[in-house]
Amino acid sequence: MTRSAGKRRSSEAASATERRLLDAGTRDHYQDAALYDFEYSDRVEDILHYRALAAEQGDSIKILELGAGTGRITVPLARDSHRVTALDACAPMLESLRATVTRLGLGESVTPLEADMREVPVADEQMDLVIAPFNALMHLYRWSDLLACFREARRVLRPGGTFAFDVQMPDLEWLRWDPDVRHAVTKFVHPVTRDKLVYSTNHNYDPATQICHIRIYYDEAPPAGRRFVPPAAPRRLVHLAHRQIFPEELRLLVATAGLELRSLTADFAGRPLAEAQDSQVAICGKPR
């Protein structure tokens, strides 16, 4: 084998590994819908934000939600009498959403849609509001994927309509943490199985791709009074991939997609980006 052929094979193997990691990073975290809901049950500020934003657009407006998941935000919007097309690429999450919609009698207000947010099967200029809450856009790993999504949001919006989303603010110190040390070690009880478990995480960041590969470990909890020691093999290992998106990159994507940036703040209370290091909350408009 020549040196060039060896390099090519090595590159192909690395690319295949990266694709597997990204596929797992897009899906693993969303297979256990009940656990997902349990882990994020304390998030309420974003629900209030998107409800208020919808109310500003009018009564019973048409909303497209990208990355709707199990309906944590979908359901409150539907209860406010809005009509929501709830798009997600993960079947287990949408199955949970459908069950909730049926149980609450919201079938006429919510349309679950299993699809890719880069190719939205919705006709032009049908929506008053498009939202992508809680880091949904961070599963678009290339700039071209993000731009395709932003252009789809513009396409399906009526003139004057609104595209709103929130993503994490990249934390350069956190991204450089030791990838071999477990963090956020937390004991909990699974909401369905009632198993006593320990949650912990670590991660690797690739600055070349701006992707952070997060590992979430679920282990058996030790007996009361005993210190948790990470086992050699976790009971369950979940991979979560998040593309880090920087403020100037967001501004460029919005403008290139033909949208107007109305505001970009650090949280749902509207603080400037310089005053917080957690979120980026954007509100964009389609020109009339």
Protein backbone atom coordinates (compact mmCIF):
# COMPACT_ATOMS: atom_id res chain seq x y z
CA MET A 1 0.00 0.00 0.00
CA THR A 2 1.33 3.44 -0.88
CA ARG A 3 1.59 6.20 1.70
CA SER A 4 -1.16 8.21 -0.03
CA ALA A 5 -3.48 5.20 -0.08
CA GLY A 6 -2.84 4.64 3.63
CA LYS A 7 -3.67 8.28 4.40
CA ARG A 8 -6.84 8.03 2.32
CA ARG A 9 -8.02 4.93 4.19
CA SER A 10 -7.23 6.56 7.51
CA SER A 11 -9.21 9.63 6.50
CA GLU A 12 -12.16 7.52 5.35
CA ALA A 13 -12.15 5.60 8.63
CA ALA A 14 -12.10 8.86 10.59
CA SER A 15 -14.98 10.20 8.51
CA ALA A 16 -17.02 7.04 9.12
CA THR A 17 -16.36 7.30 12.86
CA GLU A 18 -17.43 10.95 12.84
CA ARG A 19 -20.66 10.09 11.01
CA ARG A 20 -21.46 7.38 13.56
CA LEU A 21 -20.80 9.79 16.43
CA LEU A 22 -22.99 12.47 14.90
CA ASP A 23 -25.79 10.01 14.22
CA ALA A 24 -25.64 8.78 17.82
CA GLY A 25 -25.31 12.36 19.05
CA THR A 26 -28.49 13.30 17.26
CA ARG A 27 -30.59 10.34 18.43
CA ASP A 28 -29.31 8.70 21.65
CA HIS A 29 -30.53 11.36 24.04
CA TYR A 30 -34.06 11.20 22.66
CA GLN A 31 -34.83 7.48 22.77
CA ASP A 32 -36.19 7.46 26.35
CA ALA A 33 -38.93 10.08 26.15
CA ALA A 34 -40.04 9.68 29.78
CA LEU A 35 -36.50 10.20 31.07
CA TYR A 36 -36.03 13.18 28.77
CA ASP A 37 -39.18 14.83 30.14
CA PHE A 38 -38.06 14.11 33.69
CA GLU A 39 -34.62 15.64 33.16
CA TYR A 40 -35.99 18.90 31.73
CA SER A 41 -39.23 19.26 33.69
CA ASP A 42 -37.93 22.35 35.50
CA ARG A 43 -37.54 24.42 32.32
CA VAL A 44 -40.37 26.96 32.21
CA GLU A 45 -38.88 30.30 31.14
CA ASP A 46 -38.69 29.27 27.49
CA ILE A 47 -42.32 28.11 27.55
CA LEU A 48 -43.43 31.52 28.81
CA HIS A 49 -41.22 33.24 26.22
CA TYR A 50 -42.62 31.39 23.21
CA ARG A 51 -46.20 31.66 24.46
CA ALA A 52 -45.79 35.43 24.81
CA LEU A 53 -44.18 35.68 21.38
CA ALA A 54 -47.08 33.76 19.83
CA ALA A 55 -49.63 35.96 21.60
CA GLU A 56 -47.96 39.03 20.10
CA GLN A 57 -48.61 37.63 16.61
CA GLY A 58 -52.35 37.29 17.20
CA ASP A 59 -55.06 34.78 18.16
CA SER A 60 -55.02 31.24 16.80
CA ILE A 61 -51.94 31.74 14.65
CA LYS A 62 -50.16 29.05 12.63
CA ILE A 63 -46.87 27.92 14.19
CA LEU A 64 -44.13 25.60 12.96
CA GLU A 65 -42.03 24.21 15.79
CA LEU A 66 -38.65 22.74 14.79
CA GLY A 67 -37.43 20.06 17.18
CA ALA A 68 -40.76 19.77 18.98
CA GLY A 69 -39.78 16.63 20.88
CA THR A 70 -42.42 15.37 23.30
CA GLY A 71 -44.35 18.63 23.18
CA ARG A 72 -43.08 20.51 26.24
CA ILE A 73 -43.65 23.78 24.36
CA THR A 74 -46.08 22.47 21.72
CA VAL A 75 -48.82 21.62 24.21
CA PRO A 76 -48.93 25.03 25.97
CA LEU A 77 -49.08 26.74 22.56
CA ALA A 78 -51.94 24.49 21.49
CA ARG A 79 -53.76 25.14 24.75
CA ASP A 80 -53.50 28.84 23.90
CA SER A 81 -55.60 28.02 20.80
CA HIS A 82 -52.73 28.23 18.31
CA ARG A 83 -52.34 25.66 15.53
CA VAL A 84 -48.96 23.97 15.79
CA THR A 85 -47.13 21.83 13.25
CA ALA A 86 -44.72 19.94 15.52
CA LEU A 87 -41.70 18.77 13.51
CA ASP A 88 -39.11 16.35 14.85
CA ALA A 89 -36.81 13.74 13.30
CA CYS A 90 -36.91 11.39 16.32
CA ALA A 91 -39.78 8.88 16.26
CA PRO A 92 -39.87 8.06 20.02
CA MET A 93 -40.29 11.73 20.88
CA LEU A 94 -43.12 12.18 18.40
CA GLU A 95 -44.81 9.01 19.65
CA SER A 96 -44.88 10.53 23.13
CA LEU A 97 -46.20 13.79 21.70
CA ARG A 98 -49.00 12.01 19.84
CA ALA A 99 -50.03 10.19 23.00
CA THR A 100 -50.14 13.46 24.96
CA VAL A 101 -52.08 15.25 22.23
CA THR A 102 -54.63 12.43 22.11
CA ARG A 103 -54.98 12.30 25.90
CA LEU A 104 -55.55 16.06 26.13
CA GLY A 105 -57.90 16.24 23.16
CA LEU A 106 -55.65 18.59 21.19
CA GLY A 107 -55.69 16.62 17.95
CA GLU A 108 -57.24 19.47 15.97
CA SER A 109 -54.59 21.94 17.15
CA VAL A 110 -51.40 19.88 16.79
CA THR A 111 -50.02 18.19 13.68
CA PRO A 112 -47.00 15.97 14.48
CA LEU A 113 -44.59 15.82 11.56
CA GLU A 114 -41.59 13.48 11.35
CA ALA A 115 -39.18 15.34 9.09
CA ASP A 116 -35.81 17.05 8.72
CA MET A 117 -35.70 20.75 9.65
CA ARG A 118 -33.46 21.36 6.62
CA GLU A 119 -36.22 20.19 4.25
CA VAL A 120 -39.57 21.13 5.74
CA PRO A 121 -42.58 19.57 3.96
CA VAL A 122 -44.76 22.67 4.39
CA ALA A 123 -46.01 24.95 1.63
CA ASP A 124 -44.62 28.45 1.12
CA GLU A 125 -45.77 31.35 3.32
CA GLN A 126 -48.10 29.25 5.49
CA MET A 127 -46.76 30.11 8.94
CA ASP A 128 -47.08 33.17 11.16
CA LEU A 129 -44.34 31.98 13.51
CA VAL A 130 -41.48 29.46 13.27
CA ILE A 131 -39.68 28.49 16.48
CA ALA A 132 -36.67 26.28 17.23
CA PRO A 133 -36.50 26.07 21.04
CA PHE A 134 -33.97 24.61 23.46
CA ASN A 135 -30.85 24.08 21.34
CA ALA A 136 -32.62 22.27 18.48
CA LEU A 137 -30.42 24.09 15.96
CA MET A 138 -27.29 22.72 17.65
CA HIS A 139 -28.00 19.38 15.94
CA LEU A 140 -27.24 21.01 12.58
CA TYR A 141 -23.54 20.35 12.39
CA ARG A 142 -22.36 22.28 9.33
CA TRP A 143 -22.87 25.91 8.41
CA SER A 144 -24.65 24.75 5.25
CA ASP A 145 -27.14 22.74 7.36
CA LEU A 146 -27.89 25.78 9.50
CA LEU A 147 -28.30 28.02 6.47
CA ALA A 148 -30.64 25.50 4.81
CA CYS A 149 -32.80 25.49 7.95
CA PHE A 150 -32.86 29.29 8.17
CA ARG A 151 -33.87 29.50 4.51
CA GLU A 152 -36.65 26.97 5.11
CA ALA A 153 -37.92 29.08 7.99
CA ARG A 154 -38.00 32.12 5.71
CA ARG A 155 -39.73 30.16 2.94
CA VAL A 156 -42.62 28.89 5.06
CA LEU A 157 -43.19 32.20 6.86
CA ARG A 158 -45.74 34.71 5.64
CA PRO A 159 -44.27 38.17 4.88
CA GLY A 160 -43.75 39.90 8.21
CA GLY A 161 -43.73 36.57 10.07
CA THR A 162 -41.32 35.73 12.88
CA PHE A 163 -38.56 33.13 13.30
CA ALA A 164 -37.41 32.70 16.91
CA PHE A 165 -34.95 30.30 18.53
CA ASP A 166 -32.58 29.82 21.43
CA VAL A 167 -29.19 28.08 21.55
CA GLN A 168 -26.39 27.89 24.10
CA MET A 169 -23.71 30.54 24.22
CA PRO A 170 -20.39 28.72 23.67
CA ASP A 171 -18.49 28.57 26.96
CA LEU A 172 -14.82 28.31 25.99
CA GLU A 173 -13.69 27.45 29.51
CA TRP A 174 -16.23 24.60 29.85
CA LEU A 175 -15.38 23.26 26.40
CA ARG A 176 -11.77 22.78 27.52
CA TRP A 177 -12.58 20.75 30.64
CA ASP A 178 -10.72 17.47 31.18
CA PRO A 179 -12.55 14.89 29.01
CA ASP A 180 -11.73 12.06 31.43
CA VAL A 181 -13.30 13.62 34.54
CA ARG A 182 -16.99 13.07 35.30
CA HIS A 183 -19.07 16.15 36.05
CA ALA A 184 -22.62 16.92 37.25
CA VAL A 185 -22.72 13.69 39.28
CA THR A 186 -26.35 13.36 40.41
CA LYS A 187 -28.38 10.59 41.99
CA PHE A 188 -31.96 10.13 40.78
CA VAL A 189 -34.76 7.59 40.37
CA HIS A 190 -35.92 6.74 36.85
CA PRO A 191 -39.50 8.02 36.43
CA VAL A 192 -40.79 4.78 34.89
CA THR A 193 -38.58 1.87 35.96
CA ARG A 194 -37.90 3.37 39.44
CA ASP A 195 -34.28 2.23 39.16
CA LYS A 196 -31.90 4.14 41.43
CA LEU A 197 -29.25 5.64 39.17
CA VAL A 198 -26.39 8.10 39.01
CA TYR A 199 -26.12 10.64 36.16
CA SER A 200 -22.74 12.11 35.15
CA THR A 201 -21.14 13.62 32.05
CA ASN A 202 -17.90 14.52 30.33
CA HIS A 203 -17.10 15.75 26.83
CA ASN A 204 -14.62 16.43 24.04
CA TYR A 205 -14.65 19.56 21.91
CA ASP A 206 -13.34 19.72 18.34
CA PRO A 207 -12.58 23.38 17.52
CA ALA A 208 -12.15 22.56 13.83
CA THR A 209 -15.80 21.51 13.47
CA GLN A 210 -17.15 23.46 16.50
CA ILE A 211 -18.82 20.25 17.67
CA CYS A 212 -18.86 19.21 21.31
CA HIS A 213 -19.27 15.46 21.84
CA ILE A 214 -20.93 14.96 25.22
CA ARG A 215 -21.07 11.60 26.98
CA ILE A 216 -23.90 11.05 29.45
CA TYR A 217 -23.41 8.12 31.82
CA TYR A 218 -26.20 6.32 33.67
CA ASP A 219 -24.86 3.99 36.39
CA GLU A 220 -26.29 2.01 39.28
CA ALA A 221 -26.48 4.16 42.40
CA PRO A 222 -24.34 2.90 45.30
CA PRO A 223 -25.97 1.87 48.59
CA ALA A 224 -26.83 4.70 50.98
CA GLY A 225 -23.74 6.12 52.65
CA ARG A 226 -21.29 4.84 50.05
CA ARG A 227 -19.40 7.11 47.65
CA PHE A 228 -20.09 6.76 43.95
CA VAL A 229 -17.13 5.36 41.99
CA PRO A 230 -17.58 5.30 38.19
CA PRO A 231 -17.49 1.70 36.96
CA ALA A 232 -15.33 0.58 34.05
CA ALA A 233 -18.46 0.03 31.93
CA PRO A 234 -21.54 2.19 32.50
CA ARG A 235 -25.00 0.69 32.63
CA ARG A 236 -25.97 3.04 29.80
CA LEU A 237 -23.91 5.51 27.80
CA VAL A 238 -25.66 8.23 25.78
CA HIS A 239 -23.87 10.35 23.20
CA LEU A 240 -25.03 13.93 22.60
CA ALA A 241 -23.45 16.07 19.87
CA HIS A 242 -23.89 19.84 19.99
CA ARG A 243 -22.61 22.22 17.33
CA GLN A 244 -21.38 25.39 19.02
CA ILE A 245 -22.78 28.50 17.32
CA PHE A 246 -21.22 31.88 17.96
CA PRO A 247 -23.09 35.23 17.93
CA GLU A 248 -21.47 36.67 14.81
CA GLU A 249 -22.12 33.37 13.02
CA LEU A 250 -25.80 33.66 13.93
CA ARG A 251 -25.97 37.22 12.65
CA LEU A 252 -24.40 36.16 9.35
CA LEU A 253 -26.75 33.17 8.94
CA VAL A 254 -29.80 35.33 9.59
CA ALA A 255 -28.74 37.94 7.04
CA THR A 256 -27.65 35.41 4.41
CA ALA A 257 -31.00 33.61 4.70
CA GLY A 258 -32.82 36.86 3.92
CA LEU A 259 -34.15 37.41 7.43
CA GLU A 260 -33.92 40.48 9.65
CA LEU A 261 -32.50 40.15 13.17
CA ARG A 262 -34.84 41.97 15.55
CA SER A 263 -33.07 41.01 18.77
CA LEU A 264 -30.30 38.75 20.09
CA THR A 265 -30.15 38.56 23.88
CA ALA A 266 -28.53 36.49 26.61
CA ASP A 267 -31.72 35.13 28.14
CA PHE A 268 -35.51 35.22 27.99
CA ALA A 269 -35.52 38.37 30.14
CA GLY A 270 -33.75 40.30 27.39
CA ARG A 271 -30.36 40.90 29.02
CA PRO A 272 -27.50 41.87 26.66
CA LEU A 273 -25.16 39.08 25.56
CA ALA A 274 -22.28 40.63 27.49
CA GLU A 275 -24.09 40.12 30.80
CA ALA A 276 -24.55 36.32 30.66
CA GLN A 277 -22.74 33.28 29.36
CA ASP A 278 -25.52 30.72 29.02
CA SER A 279 -27.96 31.34 26.17
CA GLN A 280 -28.54 33.22 22.94
CA VAL A 281 -32.18 34.08 22.38
CA ALA A 282 -32.93 35.35 18.88
CA ILE A 283 -36.02 36.89 17.29
CA CYS A 284 -35.91 37.37 13.51
CA GLY A 285 -38.42 38.60 10.98
CA LYS A 286 -39.22 37.92 7.34
CA PRO A 287 -39.37 41.20 5.39
CA ARG A 288 -42.81 42.25 4.16
